[in-house]
Amino acid sequence: MSQEQPDPAGGKQLSLAWTSVALIPLFLVLALLAAYVLSGVLGPTTGRAPVWQDALVGLVALVLVAIPSLAAIEFGRRAYARGEPMGRVPGAVGVTALAAMAILVVGTVLYNTVP
């Protein structure tokens, strides 16, 4: 009965995955700042902002959060493929962060379309 040894490169991939997870809060703050600045640049609105403005601001925020989230997913997948069973955890965190941001953006746009 032979037990496979993890690939040494899997440890590096796992380390990169966890680094990406650690960057998610930083990129979330950057996304919120970018959304705030972009909303101000697009012009003051009286009442509710137009739907296209909310969608554009939300898309920019979503892309900024997607960068470390997708990196965590990819590096976690690579680590798991190279024999690191814990590679699934940072991937799951990345999926959760990305899904939460997408729900937040879609919810914001839909909320602002209701009269």
C-alpha atoms as a PDB file:
ATOM      1  CA  MET A   1       0.000   0.000   0.000  1.00  0.00           C
ATOM      2  CA  SER A   2       1.756   3.132  -1.184  1.00  0.00           C
ATOM      3  CA  GLN A   3       0.678   6.548  -0.111  1.00  0.00           C
ATOM      4  CA  GLU A   4       1.261   9.401  -2.525  1.00  0.00           C
ATOM      5  CA  GLN A   5       3.428  12.244  -1.296  1.00  0.00           C
ATOM      6  CA  PRO A   6       2.168  15.750  -1.994  1.00  0.00           C
ATOM      7  CA  ASP A   7       3.957  17.620  -4.742  1.00  0.00           C
ATOM      8  CA  PRO A   8       6.274  20.286  -3.243  1.00  0.00           C
ATOM      9  CA  ALA A   9       4.818  22.792  -5.712  1.00  0.00           C
ATOM     10  CA  GLY A  10       1.405  22.158  -4.127  1.00  0.00           C
ATOM     11  CA  GLY A  11       2.582  23.844  -0.931  1.00  0.00           C
ATOM     12  CA  LYS A  12       3.566  26.934  -2.858  1.00  0.00           C
ATOM     13  CA  GLN A  13       0.184  26.992  -4.618  1.00  0.00           C
ATOM     14  CA  LEU A  14      -1.544  26.636  -1.262  1.00  0.00           C
ATOM     15  CA  SER A  15       0.491  29.520   0.121  1.00  0.00           C
ATOM     16  CA  LEU A  16      -0.470  31.678  -2.856  1.00  0.00           C
ATOM     17  CA  ALA A  17      -4.121  30.712  -2.360  1.00  0.00           C
ATOM     18  CA  TRP A  18      -4.066  31.819   1.277  1.00  0.00           C
ATOM     19  CA  THR A  19      -2.284  35.030   0.320  1.00  0.00           C
ATOM     20  CA  SER A  20      -5.078  35.714  -2.150  1.00  0.00           C
ATOM     21  CA  VAL A  21      -7.653  35.093   0.574  1.00  0.00           C
ATOM     22  CA  ALA A  22      -5.836  37.568   2.820  1.00  0.00           C
ATOM     23  CA  LEU A  23      -6.040  40.186   0.056  1.00  0.00           C
ATOM     24  CA  ILE A  24      -9.835  39.912  -0.318  1.00  0.00           C
ATOM     25  CA  PRO A  25     -10.629  42.402   2.515  1.00  0.00           C
ATOM     26  CA  LEU A  26      -8.102  44.888   1.136  1.00  0.00           C
ATOM     27  CA  PHE A  27      -9.636  44.682  -2.321  1.00  0.00           C
ATOM     28  CA  LEU A  28     -13.116  44.991  -0.789  1.00  0.00           C
ATOM     29  CA  VAL A  29     -12.103  48.290   0.808  1.00  0.00           C
ATOM     30  CA  LEU A  30     -10.578  49.422  -2.495  1.00  0.00           C
ATOM     31  CA  ALA A  31     -13.803  48.438  -4.282  1.00  0.00           C
ATOM     32  CA  LEU A  32     -15.921  50.458  -1.882  1.00  0.00           C
ATOM     33  CA  LEU A  33     -13.637  53.482  -2.226  1.00  0.00           C
ATOM     34  CA  ALA A  34     -13.659  53.175  -6.016  1.00  0.00           C
ATOM     35  CA  ALA A  35     -17.452  52.925  -6.018  1.00  0.00           C
ATOM     36  CA  TYR A  36     -17.733  56.013  -3.831  1.00  0.00           C
ATOM     37  CA  VAL A  37     -15.357  58.032  -6.026  1.00  0.00           C
ATOM     38  CA  LEU A  38     -16.957  56.820  -9.252  1.00  0.00           C
ATOM     39  CA  SER A  39     -20.405  57.737  -7.977  1.00  0.00           C
ATOM     40  CA  GLY A  40     -19.167  61.245  -7.264  1.00  0.00           C
ATOM     41  CA  VAL A  41     -17.451  61.566 -10.648  1.00  0.00           C
ATOM     42  CA  LEU A  42     -20.551  60.488 -12.533  1.00  0.00           C
ATOM     43  CA  GLY A  43     -22.327  63.484 -11.117  1.00  0.00           C
ATOM     44  CA  PRO A  44     -24.610  64.414  -8.316  1.00  0.00           C
ATOM     45  CA  THR A  45     -28.098  63.082  -8.564  1.00  0.00           C
ATOM     46  CA  THR A  46     -31.229  64.232  -6.882  1.00  0.00           C
ATOM     47  CA  GLY A  47     -33.086  61.306  -5.466  1.00  0.00           C
ATOM     48  CA  ARG A  48     -32.066  57.919  -6.751  1.00  0.00           C
ATOM     49  CA  ALA A  49     -29.203  57.368  -9.153  1.00  0.00           C
ATOM     50  CA  PRO A  50     -30.008  56.069 -12.642  1.00  0.00           C
ATOM     51  CA  VAL A  51     -29.882  52.309 -13.098  1.00  0.00           C
ATOM     52  CA  TRP A  52     -26.942  52.501 -15.523  1.00  0.00           C
ATOM     53  CA  GLN A  53     -24.919  54.412 -12.917  1.00  0.00           C
ATOM     54  CA  ASP A  54     -25.628  51.835 -10.221  1.00  0.00           C
ATOM     55  CA  ALA A  55     -24.792  49.024 -12.633  1.00  0.00           C
ATOM     56  CA  LEU A  56     -21.501  50.615 -13.695  1.00  0.00           C
ATOM     57  CA  VAL A  57     -20.405  51.345 -10.141  1.00  0.00           C
ATOM     58  CA  GLY A  58     -21.395  47.848  -9.058  1.00  0.00           C
ATOM     59  CA  LEU A  59     -19.541  46.265 -11.953  1.00  0.00           C
ATOM     60  CA  VAL A  60     -16.339  48.120 -11.066  1.00  0.00           C
ATOM     61  CA  ALA A  61     -16.650  47.014  -7.430  1.00  0.00           C
ATOM     62  CA  LEU A  62     -17.369  43.442  -8.481  1.00  0.00           C
ATOM     63  CA  VAL A  63     -14.314  43.311 -10.740  1.00  0.00           C
ATOM     64  CA  LEU A  64     -12.077  44.607  -7.950  1.00  0.00           C
ATOM     65  CA  VAL A  65     -13.301  41.951  -5.523  1.00  0.00           C
ATOM     66  CA  ALA A  66     -13.123  39.270  -8.229  1.00  0.00           C
ATOM     67  CA  ILE A  67      -9.356  39.706  -8.675  1.00  0.00           C
ATOM     68  CA  PRO A  68      -8.228  38.120  -5.379  1.00  0.00           C
ATOM     69  CA  SER A  69     -11.274  35.840  -5.230  1.00  0.00           C
ATOM     70  CA  LEU A  70     -10.535  34.242  -8.591  1.00  0.00           C
ATOM     71  CA  ALA A  71      -6.846  34.006  -7.664  1.00  0.00           C
ATOM     72  CA  ALA A  72      -7.772  32.142  -4.458  1.00  0.00           C
ATOM     73  CA  ILE A  73     -10.011  29.790  -6.414  1.00  0.00           C
ATOM     74  CA  GLU A  74      -7.370  29.055  -9.045  1.00  0.00           C
ATOM     75  CA  PHE A  75      -4.431  28.618  -6.672  1.00  0.00           C
ATOM     76  CA  GLY A  76      -6.559  26.493  -4.345  1.00  0.00           C
ATOM     77  CA  ARG A  77      -7.588  24.304  -7.270  1.00  0.00           C
ATOM     78  CA  ARG A  78      -3.962  23.893  -8.330  1.00  0.00           C
ATOM     79  CA  ALA A  79      -2.879  23.030  -4.785  1.00  0.00           C
ATOM     80  CA  TYR A  80      -5.632  20.429  -4.473  1.00  0.00           C
ATOM     81  CA  ALA A  81      -4.673  18.937  -7.835  1.00  0.00           C
ATOM     82  CA  ARG A  82      -1.076  18.599  -6.594  1.00  0.00           C
ATOM     83  CA  GLY A  83      -2.049  16.666  -3.490  1.00  0.00           C
ATOM     84  CA  GLU A  84      -2.840  19.371  -0.915  1.00  0.00           C
ATOM     85  CA  PRO A  85      -6.255  18.468   0.528  1.00  0.00           C
ATOM     86  CA  MET A  86      -6.567  21.883   2.200  1.00  0.00           C
ATOM     87  CA  GLY A  87      -6.555  23.537  -1.235  1.00  0.00           C
ATOM     88  CA  ARG A  88     -10.334  23.434  -1.278  1.00  0.00           C
ATOM     89  CA  VAL A  89     -10.681  25.793   1.677  1.00  0.00           C
ATOM     90  CA  PRO A  90      -9.255  28.990   0.121  1.00  0.00           C
ATOM     91  CA  GLY A  91     -11.162  28.158  -3.054  1.00  0.00           C
ATOM     92  CA  ALA A  92     -14.392  27.979  -1.068  1.00  0.00           C
ATOM     93  CA  VAL A  93     -13.604  31.300   0.608  1.00  0.00           C
ATOM     94  CA  GLY A  94     -12.994  32.862  -2.822  1.00  0.00           C
ATOM     95  CA  VAL A  95     -16.273  31.521  -4.190  1.00  0.00           C
ATOM     96  CA  THR A  96     -18.147  32.768  -1.124  1.00  0.00           C
ATOM     97  CA  ALA A  97     -16.639  36.272  -1.323  1.00  0.00           C
ATOM     98  CA  LEU A  98     -17.330  36.543  -5.038  1.00  0.00           C
ATOM     99  CA  ALA A  99     -20.902  35.271  -4.694  1.00  0.00           C
ATOM    100  CA  ALA A 100     -21.605  37.634  -1.797  1.00  0.00           C
ATOM    101  CA  MET A 101     -20.345  40.631  -3.772  1.00  0.00           C
ATOM    102  CA  ALA A 102     -22.361  39.615  -6.841  1.00  0.00           C
ATOM    103  CA  ILE A 103     -25.521  39.301  -4.722  1.00  0.00           C
ATOM    104  CA  LEU A 104     -24.811  42.695  -3.162  1.00  0.00           C
ATOM    105  CA  VAL A 105     -24.373  44.371  -6.560  1.00  0.00           C
ATOM    106  CA  VAL A 106     -27.452  42.772  -8.112  1.00  0.00           C
ATOM    107  CA  GLY A 107     -29.495  43.559  -4.994  1.00  0.00           C
ATOM    108  CA  THR A 108     -28.416  47.191  -5.076  1.00  0.00           C
ATOM    109  CA  VAL A 109     -29.312  47.609  -8.732  1.00  0.00           C
ATOM    110  CA  LEU A 110     -32.670  45.882  -8.307  1.00  0.00           C
ATOM    111  CA  TYR A 111     -33.474  47.849  -5.150  1.00  0.00           C
ATOM    112  CA  ASN A 112     -32.871  51.135  -6.932  1.00  0.00           C
ATOM    113  CA  THR A 113     -35.160  50.193  -9.832  1.00  0.00           C
ATOM    114  CA  VAL A 114     -38.183  49.782  -7.555  1.00  0.00           C
ATOM    115  CA  PRO A 115     -40.197  53.016  -7.346  1.00  0.00           C
END
